[in-house]
Amino acid sequence: MPPTSHTRHTPFSDATQGTLFGLGAYTMWGCFPLFFALFDGVPAWEILIHRIVWSCLFLLGLIAVLGRFTPVRLALGEPRRLGRVLGCALLIALNWVIYIYAVESRQVLQASLGYFLTPLVNVGLGMLVLRERMAPLQGVAVGLASVAIAIQLVGLGELPWITLALAFSFGTYGLLRKQVPLDGLSGLFVETLLLLPLALLALGWLTHLDVSHFLGEARHTWLLIASGVITALPLLAFAGAARRLRLATLGFLMYINPTIQFFIALLIFGETITPLQLATFVLIWIGLALYSWSAWQGRSGGTPRAA
């Protein structure tokens, strides 16, 4: 009798734990603007340097504690595969620095739109690069996203470069990341490890010029160190969610991140949204609804009909 009750309890327990991990991960990512807004007067690229350094050190400690050196050794032992990992590292670094700049310049609405747009960019890249077949609803979703960007370009007279840079850098990162056989924790560690020499050189250069904010004000010093910790924590929570939840469930939870950023931009940072910007968001949201519906159908009713 006890084994039967345990068997019944485990799936519910796993789903509950996975959902809590997922909510925790995406909520932390969504609240990142509140953290990076604390770096008053510290340039985005300097924060990026410290984020790489301290993330690498913190992840090294986690991997040592968890005994996860085997995939890291395997990755570092195959130089041919490191090219893709380096590509991932450069793309995630670009994404980080643009995101930090968006927060510092109070353009979080553009950042949130970028992360809303990312799933649709993934669909487009999958079709163009991997020759994946696009479902009709997904095609409509990508079309709506294109119209939304065109509205900003024509109506506002400027290209929403922060939105596009965040969406395409993260979308391309995901495309390359799929070709790297590393879990999230090990993958991010190897990526930051490859960037570490450049980050240390840049840190030494800043120190030599006496323009570094590190070891100046205690507040800035601790914030720079903490940037590494807050990079790793949501990743760990996400890994816990990914092990316990279906991909479809994770996909729906993903929208928590840009939604929180959207409301932080409006309610805390006091950013204003114009009617044209609101129209852009509405089109993207409709596109995401169509994309999500198509993905849900594909994983439920459409799954038996293999491609």
Foldseek 3Di string as FASTA:
>chain_A
DVVVVVVVVVLVVLQVLLVVLLLVLLVLLQCVLVLLLVLPPDALVLLLLLLLVLLLVVLVVVCVVVVPCVVLVVCVVDVVLVVLLLLLLVLVSQLRSLCSVCSNVLNLLLVLLLLLCQVLVLLVCCCVPVVDDDDPLSVVLNVLLVVLQVLCCVVVVDGSCSSVSNNNSVSVSVVSVVVDPDQQSSSSNSSSVVCNVVSVVVVVVCVVVVNRPAPPDPVNNVSSSCSSVSVVVSSVSNSSSVVRDDPLVSLVSNSSNSVSSNCCSCPPVPDDADPSNVSSVVSSVVSVVSVSVVVVCCVPVVVVVPD
